[in-house]
Amino acid sequence: MTLAVTGATGRLGGRVARRLAAAAYPLRLLVRDPGRAPRLPGAEAAVADYGDPAALREALAGAGTVFMVSAAESPDRVDRHRAFIDAAAAAGVRHLVYTSFVGASPDATFTLARDHAATEEHLRASGLTFTILRDNLYADFLPLMVGEDGVIRGPGGDGRAAVVAQDDIADASVAVLRDPATHGGATYDLTGPEALSFAEMAATMSAESGNPVRYESETLAQAYASRARYGAPEWQVQAWVSTYTAVAAGELAAVSPAVPRLTGRPATPFAEVLRGARPQR
């Protein structure tokens, strides 16, 4: 049956879609803008938004397995996730693979991990067969946390995070999607091969880029004050700050064997992620 992939215009969904297309899987790419859908062999585009249950049911009809990339951060994110899961169940989807976050729980320090916990709860009650992939922080995005002055600032203290490469997440996801029955009901933590402090991440970025990067730990008051200039809503600022406090609390430090077990190769070290992301000259 057709395999449906959401987020195909994004970094993670796009990686997964390209891998599946290369393996000749029949794909349906759920997108909001068909003009942005990647042109892949054996793939068709279907227009649907997480907030449109009728369009979702139509787009998911006939799909046996669905790769559900979590929706963009927003105050109504959980409602949108629930609507998608309900539409998948109504459309007769057999298996849903959901991208969650490490440590997802109602009382997680990272506020957005609470959204994932609520989504997981709804998925488990939906009657769908499912697999949950709980991603750690994306190693690929860590350079974006560096300010223009070469400093990473946040209340992360000496905490550690087992940051994971998006290519590793994509490879693990494809392993599940190619044989979903083997992974029914499973929850996998997808992490890198080691847990790093922000100071160690900064040192690695310095070594790989040739530009000095350092980490400066902030107090909570300093963290909120330094982000006030962006004019972001309160929920968004809390999410930014709690990314660091979750690391400080040790909630992202555990290293999981899931990536090697699913992909058959070691997880990618942070330094190698940076080398892969370095622009070619």
C-alpha atoms as a PDB file:
ATOM      1  CA  MET A   1       0.000   0.000   0.000  1.00  0.00           C
ATOM      2  CA  THR A   2       0.982   3.631  -0.406  1.00  0.00           C
ATOM      3  CA  LEU A   3       3.225   5.100   2.269  1.00  0.00           C
ATOM      4  CA  ALA A   4       2.302   8.659   3.253  1.00  0.00           C
ATOM      5  CA  VAL A   5       4.970  11.129   4.378  1.00  0.00           C
ATOM      6  CA  THR A   6       4.244  14.487   5.997  1.00  0.00           C
ATOM      7  CA  GLY A   7       6.722  17.352   6.159  1.00  0.00           C
ATOM      8  CA  ALA A   8       8.240  16.381   2.799  1.00  0.00           C
ATOM      9  CA  THR A   9       9.172  20.019   2.119  1.00  0.00           C
ATOM     10  CA  GLY A  10      11.147  20.154   5.380  1.00  0.00           C
ATOM     11  CA  ARG A  11      14.532  18.885   6.456  1.00  0.00           C
ATOM     12  CA  LEU A  12      13.473  15.663   8.173  1.00  0.00           C
ATOM     13  CA  GLY A  13      10.437  14.701   6.095  1.00  0.00           C
ATOM     14  CA  GLY A  14      12.362  15.522   2.930  1.00  0.00           C
ATOM     15  CA  ARG A  15      15.215  13.260   3.935  1.00  0.00           C
ATOM     16  CA  VAL A  16      12.818  10.410   4.655  1.00  0.00           C
ATOM     17  CA  ALA A  17      10.894  10.905   1.409  1.00  0.00           C
ATOM     18  CA  ARG A  18      14.069  10.905  -0.697  1.00  0.00           C
ATOM     19  CA  ARG A  19      15.322   7.714   0.921  1.00  0.00           C
ATOM     20  CA  LEU A  20      12.030   5.908   0.417  1.00  0.00           C
ATOM     21  CA  ALA A  21      11.736   7.089  -3.198  1.00  0.00           C
ATOM     22  CA  ALA A  22      15.256   5.818  -3.888  1.00  0.00           C
ATOM     23  CA  ALA A  23      14.102   2.416  -2.600  1.00  0.00           C
ATOM     24  CA  ALA A  24      11.132   2.514  -5.028  1.00  0.00           C
ATOM     25  CA  TYR A  25       8.363   2.829  -2.462  1.00  0.00           C
ATOM     26  CA  PRO A  26       5.053   4.283  -3.703  1.00  0.00           C
ATOM     27  CA  LEU A  27       4.729   7.561  -1.819  1.00  0.00           C
ATOM     28  CA  ARG A  28       2.090  10.159  -1.111  1.00  0.00           C
ATOM     29  CA  LEU A  29       3.589  13.424   0.066  1.00  0.00           C
ATOM     30  CA  LEU A  30       1.252  15.476   2.259  1.00  0.00           C
ATOM     31  CA  VAL A  31       2.008  19.142   1.717  1.00  0.00           C
ATOM     32  CA  ARG A  32       0.291  22.484   2.104  1.00  0.00           C
ATOM     33  CA  ASP A  33       1.742  23.897  -1.107  1.00  0.00           C
ATOM     34  CA  PRO A  34       1.941  21.432  -4.019  1.00  0.00           C
ATOM     35  CA  GLY A  35       4.375  23.733  -5.776  1.00  0.00           C
ATOM     36  CA  ARG A  36       6.948  23.044  -3.074  1.00  0.00           C
ATOM     37  CA  ALA A  37       6.557  19.256  -3.067  1.00  0.00           C
ATOM     38  CA  PRO A  38       9.792  17.515  -4.058  1.00  0.00           C
ATOM     39  CA  ARG A  39       9.695  15.794  -7.437  1.00  0.00           C
ATOM     40  CA  LEU A  40      10.489  12.190  -6.589  1.00  0.00           C
ATOM     41  CA  PRO A  41      10.020   8.999  -8.613  1.00  0.00           C
ATOM     42  CA  GLY A  42       6.905   7.086  -7.591  1.00  0.00           C
ATOM     43  CA  ALA A  43       5.614   9.955  -5.438  1.00  0.00           C
ATOM     44  CA  GLU A  44       2.351  11.868  -5.685  1.00  0.00           C
ATOM     45  CA  ALA A  45       1.469  15.042  -3.777  1.00  0.00           C
ATOM     46  CA  ALA A  46      -1.703  15.530  -1.746  1.00  0.00           C
ATOM     47  CA  VAL A  47      -2.692  18.902  -0.304  1.00  0.00           C
ATOM     48  CA  ALA A  48      -3.676  18.797   3.362  1.00  0.00           C
ATOM     49  CA  ASP A  49      -3.124  20.845   6.480  1.00  0.00           C
ATOM     50  CA  TYR A  50      -3.038  19.457  10.017  1.00  0.00           C
ATOM     51  CA  GLY A  51      -5.925  21.771  10.832  1.00  0.00           C
ATOM     52  CA  ASP A  52      -8.211  20.475   8.050  1.00  0.00           C
ATOM     53  CA  PRO A  53      -9.669  17.068   9.058  1.00  0.00           C
ATOM     54  CA  ALA A  54     -11.668  16.580   5.844  1.00  0.00           C
ATOM     55  CA  ALA A  55      -8.649  17.213   3.601  1.00  0.00           C
ATOM     56  CA  LEU A  56      -6.540  14.973   5.801  1.00  0.00           C
ATOM     57  CA  ARG A  57      -8.971  12.074   5.554  1.00  0.00           C
ATOM     58  CA  GLU A  58      -9.004  12.396   1.778  1.00  0.00           C
ATOM     59  CA  ALA A  59      -5.227  12.692   1.560  1.00  0.00           C
ATOM     60  CA  LEU A  60      -4.664   9.664   3.808  1.00  0.00           C
ATOM     61  CA  ALA A  61      -7.217   7.380   2.168  1.00  0.00           C
ATOM     62  CA  GLY A  62      -5.507   4.225   0.928  1.00  0.00           C
ATOM     63  CA  ALA A  63      -2.286   4.853   2.837  1.00  0.00           C
ATOM     64  CA  GLY A  64      -1.144   1.853   4.819  1.00  0.00           C
ATOM     65  CA  THR A  65       1.616   3.493   6.834  1.00  0.00           C
ATOM     66  CA  VAL A  66       2.057   7.187   7.662  1.00  0.00           C
ATOM     67  CA  PHE A  67       5.151   9.081   8.745  1.00  0.00           C
ATOM     68  CA  MET A  68       3.877  11.952  10.900  1.00  0.00           C
ATOM     69  CA  VAL A  69       6.400  14.714  11.425  1.00  0.00           C
ATOM     70  CA  SER A  70       5.313  16.859  14.354  1.00  0.00           C
ATOM     71  CA  ALA A  71       3.668  20.137  13.348  1.00  0.00           C
ATOM     72  CA  ALA A  72       5.309  23.537  13.585  1.00  0.00           C
ATOM     73  CA  GLU A  73       5.414  24.987  17.081  1.00  0.00           C
ATOM     74  CA  SER A  74       2.223  26.851  17.922  1.00  0.00           C
ATOM     75  CA  PRO A  75      -0.210  27.265  20.842  1.00  0.00           C
ATOM     76  CA  ASP A  76      -2.673  24.853  19.179  1.00  0.00           C
ATOM     77  CA  ARG A  77      -0.083  22.257  18.200  1.00  0.00           C
ATOM     78  CA  VAL A  78      -1.593  19.459  20.299  1.00  0.00           C
ATOM     79  CA  ASP A  79      -5.048  20.064  18.820  1.00  0.00           C
ATOM     80  CA  ARG A  80      -3.575  19.862  15.334  1.00  0.00           C
ATOM     81  CA  HIS A  81      -1.780  16.631  16.181  1.00  0.00           C
ATOM     82  CA  ARG A  82      -4.950  15.108  17.574  1.00  0.00           C
ATOM     83  CA  ALA A  83      -6.858  16.108  14.441  1.00  0.00           C
ATOM     84  CA  PHE A  84      -4.251  14.412  12.275  1.00  0.00           C
ATOM     85  CA  ILE A  85      -4.319  11.198  14.306  1.00  0.00           C
ATOM     86  CA  ASP A  86      -8.119  11.100  14.239  1.00  0.00           C
ATOM     87  CA  ALA A  87      -8.108  11.637  10.475  1.00  0.00           C
ATOM     88  CA  ALA A  88      -5.587   8.829  10.015  1.00  0.00           C
ATOM     89  CA  ALA A  89      -7.778   6.470  12.022  1.00  0.00           C
ATOM     90  CA  ALA A  90     -10.876   7.503  10.069  1.00  0.00           C
ATOM     91  CA  ALA A  91      -9.041   7.011   6.755  1.00  0.00           C
ATOM     92  CA  GLY A  92      -8.139   3.417   7.635  1.00  0.00           C
ATOM     93  CA  VAL A  93      -4.409   3.926   8.117  1.00  0.00           C
ATOM     94  CA  ARG A  94      -2.838   0.796   9.594  1.00  0.00           C
ATOM     95  CA  HIS A  95       0.346   2.130  11.173  1.00  0.00           C
ATOM     96  CA  LEU A  96       1.417   5.640  12.189  1.00  0.00           C
ATOM     97  CA  VAL A  97       5.031   6.564  12.926  1.00  0.00           C
ATOM     98  CA  TYR A  98       5.263   9.762  14.976  1.00  0.00           C
ATOM     99  CA  THR A  99       8.297  11.985  15.618  1.00  0.00           C
ATOM    100  CA  SER A 100       8.259  12.931  19.291  1.00  0.00           C
ATOM    101  CA  PHE A 101      10.916  14.217  21.686  1.00  0.00           C
ATOM    102  CA  VAL A 102      13.190  12.567  24.248  1.00  0.00           C
ATOM    103  CA  GLY A 103      11.738  12.707  27.745  1.00  0.00           C
ATOM    104  CA  ALA A 104       8.204  13.480  26.577  1.00  0.00           C
ATOM    105  CA  SER A 105       6.001  13.636  29.664  1.00  0.00           C
ATOM    106  CA  PRO A 106       3.314  15.904  31.130  1.00  0.00           C
ATOM    107  CA  ASP A 107       5.840  17.406  33.552  1.00  0.00           C
ATOM    108  CA  ALA A 108       8.889  17.587  31.256  1.00  0.00           C
ATOM    109  CA  THR A 109      11.134  20.591  31.821  1.00  0.00           C
ATOM    110  CA  PHE A 110      11.174  21.351  28.091  1.00  0.00           C
ATOM    111  CA  THR A 111       7.711  22.779  27.574  1.00  0.00           C
ATOM    112  CA  LEU A 112       7.295  21.471  24.033  1.00  0.00           C
ATOM    113  CA  ALA A 113       8.016  17.926  25.246  1.00  0.00           C
ATOM    114  CA  ARG A 114       4.727  18.211  27.127  1.00  0.00           C
ATOM    115  CA  ASP A 115       2.970  18.725  23.793  1.00  0.00           C
ATOM    116  CA  HIS A 116       4.560  15.526  22.553  1.00  0.00           C
ATOM    117  CA  ALA A 117       3.427  13.668  25.660  1.00  0.00           C
ATOM    118  CA  ALA A 118      -0.168  14.740  25.042  1.00  0.00           C
ATOM    119  CA  THR A 119       0.122  13.653  21.412  1.00  0.00           C
ATOM    120  CA  GLU A 120       1.563  10.275  22.385  1.00  0.00           C
ATOM    121  CA  GLU A 121      -1.302   9.746  24.823  1.00  0.00           C
ATOM    122  CA  HIS A 122      -3.852  10.466  22.093  1.00  0.00           C
ATOM    123  CA  LEU A 123      -2.045   8.191  19.650  1.00  0.00           C
ATOM    124  CA  ARG A 124      -2.026   5.304  22.108  1.00  0.00           C
ATOM    125  CA  ALA A 125      -5.773   5.705  22.632  1.00  0.00           C
ATOM    126  CA  SER A 126      -6.561   6.012  18.916  1.00  0.00           C
ATOM    127  CA  GLY A 127      -6.668   2.324  18.060  1.00  0.00           C
ATOM    128  CA  LEU A 128      -3.933   2.783  15.455  1.00  0.00           C
ATOM    129  CA  THR A 129      -0.850   0.621  15.442  1.00  0.00           C
ATOM    130  CA  PHE A 130       2.003   3.034  16.090  1.00  0.00           C
ATOM    131  CA  THR A 131       5.713   3.568  16.544  1.00  0.00           C
ATOM    132  CA  ILE A 132       7.063   6.587  18.420  1.00  0.00           C
ATOM    133  CA  LEU A 133      10.471   8.047  17.584  1.00  0.00           C
ATOM    134  CA  ARG A 134      11.670  10.342  20.352  1.00  0.00           C
ATOM    135  CA  ASP A 135      14.378  12.608  18.947  1.00  0.00           C
ATOM    136  CA  ASN A 136      17.013  14.375  20.999  1.00  0.00           C
ATOM    137  CA  LEU A 137      18.115  17.910  20.063  1.00  0.00           C
ATOM    138  CA  TYR A 138      19.136  18.139  16.410  1.00  0.00           C
ATOM    139  CA  ALA A 139      22.912  18.305  16.160  1.00  0.00           C
ATOM    140  CA  ASP A 140      22.512  20.008  12.770  1.00  0.00           C
ATOM    141  CA  PHE A 141      20.791  23.016  14.361  1.00  0.00           C
ATOM    142  CA  LEU A 142      23.262  23.688  17.168  1.00  0.00           C
ATOM    143  CA  PRO A 143      25.320  26.181  15.109  1.00  0.00           C
ATOM    144  CA  LEU A 144      22.149  28.301  14.897  1.00  0.00           C
ATOM    145  CA  MET A 145      22.292  28.714  18.670  1.00  0.00           C
ATOM    146  CA  VAL A 146      25.543  30.648  18.348  1.00  0.00           C
ATOM    147  CA  GLY A 147      25.120  34.414  18.503  1.00  0.00           C
ATOM    148  CA  GLU A 148      26.767  36.868  16.138  1.00  0.00           C
ATOM    149  CA  ASP A 149      29.478  37.328  18.770  1.00  0.00           C
ATOM    150  CA  GLY A 150      30.351  33.617  18.740  1.00  0.00           C
ATOM    151  CA  VAL A 151      28.663  32.891  22.076  1.00  0.00           C
ATOM    152  CA  ILE A 152      26.012  30.333  23.006  1.00  0.00           C
ATOM    153  CA  ARG A 153      24.025  31.752  25.889  1.00  0.00           C
ATOM    154  CA  GLY A 154      21.516  29.888  27.996  1.00  0.00           C
ATOM    155  CA  PRO A 155      20.766  28.434  31.434  1.00  0.00           C
ATOM    156  CA  GLY A 156      22.124  24.997  30.597  1.00  0.00           C
ATOM    157  CA  GLY A 157      24.762  24.881  33.311  1.00  0.00           C
ATOM    158  CA  ASP A 158      26.988  21.824  33.030  1.00  0.00           C
ATOM    159  CA  GLY A 159      24.159  19.624  31.758  1.00  0.00           C
ATOM    160  CA  ARG A 160      24.607  17.334  28.780  1.00  0.00           C
ATOM    161  CA  ALA A 161      22.580  16.392  25.722  1.00  0.00           C
ATOM    162  CA  ALA A 162      22.998  13.387  23.423  1.00  0.00           C
ATOM    163  CA  VAL A 163      22.419  15.483  20.304  1.00  0.00           C
ATOM    164  CA  VAL A 164      21.485  13.520  17.176  1.00  0.00           C
ATOM    165  CA  ALA A 165      22.057  14.007  13.458  1.00  0.00           C
ATOM    166  CA  GLN A 166      18.981  14.470  11.300  1.00  0.00           C
ATOM    167  CA  ASP A 167      20.431  11.971   8.819  1.00  0.00           C
ATOM    168  CA  ASP A 168      20.517   9.408  11.628  1.00  0.00           C
ATOM    169  CA  ILE A 169      16.882  10.143  12.470  1.00  0.00           C
ATOM    170  CA  ALA A 170      15.951   9.786   8.803  1.00  0.00           C
ATOM    171  CA  ASP A 171      17.776   6.466   8.446  1.00  0.00           C
ATOM    172  CA  ALA A 172      16.172   5.126  11.626  1.00  0.00           C
ATOM    173  CA  SER A 173      12.758   6.314  10.472  1.00  0.00           C
ATOM    174  CA  VAL A 174      13.143   4.594   7.113  1.00  0.00           C
ATOM    175  CA  ALA A 175      14.147   1.346   8.833  1.00  0.00           C
ATOM    176  CA  VAL A 176      10.873   1.471  10.766  1.00  0.00           C
ATOM    177  CA  LEU A 177       8.771   2.499   7.756  1.00  0.00           C
ATOM    178  CA  ARG A 178      10.158  -0.314   5.595  1.00  0.00           C
ATOM    179  CA  ASP A 179       9.138  -2.936   8.155  1.00  0.00           C
ATOM    180  CA  PRO A 180       6.492  -1.333  10.387  1.00  0.00           C
ATOM    181  CA  ALA A 181       5.035  -4.592  11.698  1.00  0.00           C
ATOM    182  CA  THR A 182       8.307  -5.366  13.470  1.00  0.00           C
ATOM    183  CA  HIS A 183       8.117  -2.068  15.368  1.00  0.00           C
ATOM    184  CA  GLY A 184       4.451  -1.930  16.318  1.00  0.00           C
ATOM    185  CA  GLY A 185       3.932  -0.396  19.757  1.00  0.00           C
ATOM    186  CA  ALA A 186       7.634   0.471  20.140  1.00  0.00           C
ATOM    187  CA  THR A 187       9.057   3.752  21.422  1.00  0.00           C
ATOM    188  CA  TYR A 188      12.652   4.537  20.455  1.00  0.00           C
ATOM    189  CA  ASP A 189      14.886   7.285  21.815  1.00  0.00           C
ATOM    190  CA  LEU A 190      17.029   8.520  18.919  1.00  0.00           C
ATOM    191  CA  THR A 191      20.282  10.038  20.158  1.00  0.00           C
ATOM    192  CA  GLY A 192      23.840  10.658  19.155  1.00  0.00           C
ATOM    193  CA  PRO A 193      26.727   8.478  20.374  1.00  0.00           C
ATOM    194  CA  GLU A 194      27.645  10.642  23.368  1.00  0.00           C
ATOM    195  CA  ALA A 195      26.224  13.304  25.669  1.00  0.00           C
ATOM    196  CA  LEU A 196      27.922  16.673  25.369  1.00  0.00           C
ATOM    197  CA  SER A 197      27.846  19.799  27.491  1.00  0.00           C
ATOM    198  CA  PHE A 198      27.293  23.140  25.790  1.00  0.00           C
ATOM    199  CA  ALA A 199      30.919  23.989  26.521  1.00  0.00           C
ATOM    200  CA  GLU A 200      32.021  20.831  24.697  1.00  0.00           C
ATOM    201  CA  MET A 201      29.682  21.577  21.797  1.00  0.00           C
ATOM    202  CA  ALA A 202      31.163  25.083  21.547  1.00  0.00           C
ATOM    203  CA  ALA A 203      34.697  23.693  21.584  1.00  0.00           C
ATOM    204  CA  THR A 204      33.837  21.250  18.802  1.00  0.00           C
ATOM    205  CA  MET A 205      32.278  24.000  16.707  1.00  0.00           C
ATOM    206  CA  SER A 206      35.404  26.113  17.225  1.00  0.00           C
ATOM    207  CA  ALA A 207      37.665  23.290  16.106  1.00  0.00           C
ATOM    208  CA  GLU A 208      35.600  22.433  13.038  1.00  0.00           C
ATOM    209  CA  SER A 209      34.817  25.951  11.837  1.00  0.00           C
ATOM    210  CA  GLY A 210      38.063  27.672  12.722  1.00  0.00           C
ATOM    211  CA  ASN A 211      36.051  30.436  14.376  1.00  0.00           C
ATOM    212  CA  PRO A 212      36.029  30.835  18.156  1.00  0.00           C
ATOM    213  CA  VAL A 213      32.806  29.711  19.824  1.00  0.00           C
ATOM    214  CA  ARG A 214      32.225  29.625  23.555  1.00  0.00           C
ATOM    215  CA  TYR A 215      29.388  28.901  25.944  1.00  0.00           C
ATOM    216  CA  GLU A 216      28.192  31.377  28.564  1.00  0.00           C
ATOM    217  CA  SER A 217      25.796  30.045  31.171  1.00  0.00           C
ATOM    218  CA  GLU A 218      22.934  32.361  32.070  1.00  0.00           C
ATOM    219  CA  THR A 219      20.637  32.538  35.058  1.00  0.00           C
ATOM    220  CA  LEU A 220      16.932  32.170  34.353  1.00  0.00           C
ATOM    221  CA  ALA A 221      16.446  35.909  34.786  1.00  0.00           C
ATOM    222  CA  GLN A 222      19.258  36.637  32.348  1.00  0.00           C
ATOM    223  CA  ALA A 223      17.874  34.133  29.842  1.00  0.00           C
ATOM    224  CA  TYR A 224      14.420  35.678  29.786  1.00  0.00           C
ATOM    225  CA  ALA A 225      15.864  39.191  29.631  1.00  0.00           C
ATOM    226  CA  SER A 226      18.213  38.379  26.741  1.00  0.00           C
ATOM    227  CA  ARG A 227      15.331  36.957  24.682  1.00  0.00           C
ATOM    228  CA  ALA A 228      12.829  39.717  25.419  1.00  0.00           C
ATOM    229  CA  ARG A 229      14.154  41.796  22.516  1.00  0.00           C
ATOM    230  CA  TYR A 230      12.709  39.348  19.985  1.00  0.00           C
ATOM    231  CA  GLY A 231       9.148  40.219  20.960  1.00  0.00           C
ATOM    232  CA  ALA A 232       8.105  36.562  20.824  1.00  0.00           C
ATOM    233  CA  PRO A 233       4.986  35.327  22.654  1.00  0.00           C
ATOM    234  CA  GLU A 234       5.461  34.021  26.179  1.00  0.00           C
ATOM    235  CA  TRP A 235       4.951  30.353  25.244  1.00  0.00           C
ATOM    236  CA  GLN A 236       7.693  30.618  22.627  1.00  0.00           C
ATOM    237  CA  VAL A 237      10.179  32.255  25.003  1.00  0.00           C
ATOM    238  CA  GLN A 238       9.445  29.572  27.590  1.00  0.00           C
ATOM    239  CA  ALA A 239      10.190  26.933  24.969  1.00  0.00           C
ATOM    240  CA  TRP A 240      13.499  28.580  24.063  1.00  0.00           C
ATOM    241  CA  VAL A 241      14.615  28.886  27.677  1.00  0.00           C
ATOM    242  CA  SER A 242      13.419  25.434  28.718  1.00  0.00           C
ATOM    243  CA  THR A 243      15.521  23.855  25.970  1.00  0.00           C
ATOM    244  CA  TYR A 244      18.505  24.803  28.120  1.00  0.00           C
ATOM    245  CA  THR A 245      16.970  24.063  31.513  1.00  0.00           C
ATOM    246  CA  ALA A 246      15.987  20.580  30.331  1.00  0.00           C
ATOM    247  CA  VAL A 247      19.645  19.982  29.503  1.00  0.00           C
ATOM    248  CA  ALA A 248      20.663  21.361  32.895  1.00  0.00           C
ATOM    249  CA  ALA A 249      18.179  18.993  34.556  1.00  0.00           C
ATOM    250  CA  GLY A 250      19.781  15.992  32.850  1.00  0.00           C
ATOM    251  CA  GLU A 251      16.658  15.094  30.864  1.00  0.00           C
ATOM    252  CA  LEU A 252      18.478  14.901  27.511  1.00  0.00           C
ATOM    253  CA  ALA A 253      21.668  13.181  28.651  1.00  0.00           C
ATOM    254  CA  ALA A 254      20.862   9.487  28.176  1.00  0.00           C
ATOM    255  CA  VAL A 255      22.545   7.827  25.193  1.00  0.00           C
ATOM    256  CA  SER A 256      20.322   5.277  23.458  1.00  0.00           C
ATOM    257  CA  PRO A 257      21.390   2.298  21.303  1.00  0.00           C
ATOM    258  CA  ALA A 258      18.336   2.729  19.048  1.00  0.00           C
ATOM    259  CA  VAL A 259      20.089   4.411  16.102  1.00  0.00           C
ATOM    260  CA  PRO A 260      22.735   1.668  15.759  1.00  0.00           C
ATOM    261  CA  ARG A 261      20.154  -1.072  16.246  1.00  0.00           C
ATOM    262  CA  LEU A 262      17.770   0.327  13.640  1.00  0.00           C
ATOM    263  CA  THR A 263      20.313   1.461  11.059  1.00  0.00           C
ATOM    264  CA  GLY A 264      23.036  -1.139  11.480  1.00  0.00           C
ATOM    265  CA  ARG A 265      25.759   1.496  11.888  1.00  0.00           C
ATOM    266  CA  PRO A 266      27.044   3.756  14.665  1.00  0.00           C
ATOM    267  CA  ALA A 267      25.329   7.046  15.417  1.00  0.00           C
ATOM    268  CA  THR A 268      27.130  10.049  13.912  1.00  0.00           C
ATOM    269  CA  PRO A 269      29.427  12.052  16.226  1.00  0.00           C
ATOM    270  CA  PHE A 270      28.762  15.789  16.480  1.00  0.00           C
ATOM    271  CA  ALA A 271      32.051  16.703  14.776  1.00  0.00           C
ATOM    272  CA  GLU A 272      31.101  14.621  11.738  1.00  0.00           C
ATOM    273  CA  VAL A 273      27.698  16.305  11.552  1.00  0.00           C
ATOM    274  CA  LEU A 274      29.448  19.674  11.405  1.00  0.00           C
ATOM    275  CA  ARG A 275      31.799  18.469   8.674  1.00  0.00           C
ATOM    276  CA  GLY A 276      28.870  17.270   6.600  1.00  0.00           C
ATOM    277  CA  ALA A 277      27.088  20.595   7.007  1.00  0.00           C
ATOM    278  CA  ARG A 278      30.167  22.641   6.105  1.00  0.00           C
ATOM    279  CA  PRO A 279      29.698  24.468   2.761  1.00  0.00           C
ATOM    280  CA  GLN A 280      31.872  23.116  -0.028  1.00  0.00           C
ATOM    281  CA  ARG A 281      34.450  25.548  -1.409  1.00  0.00           C
END
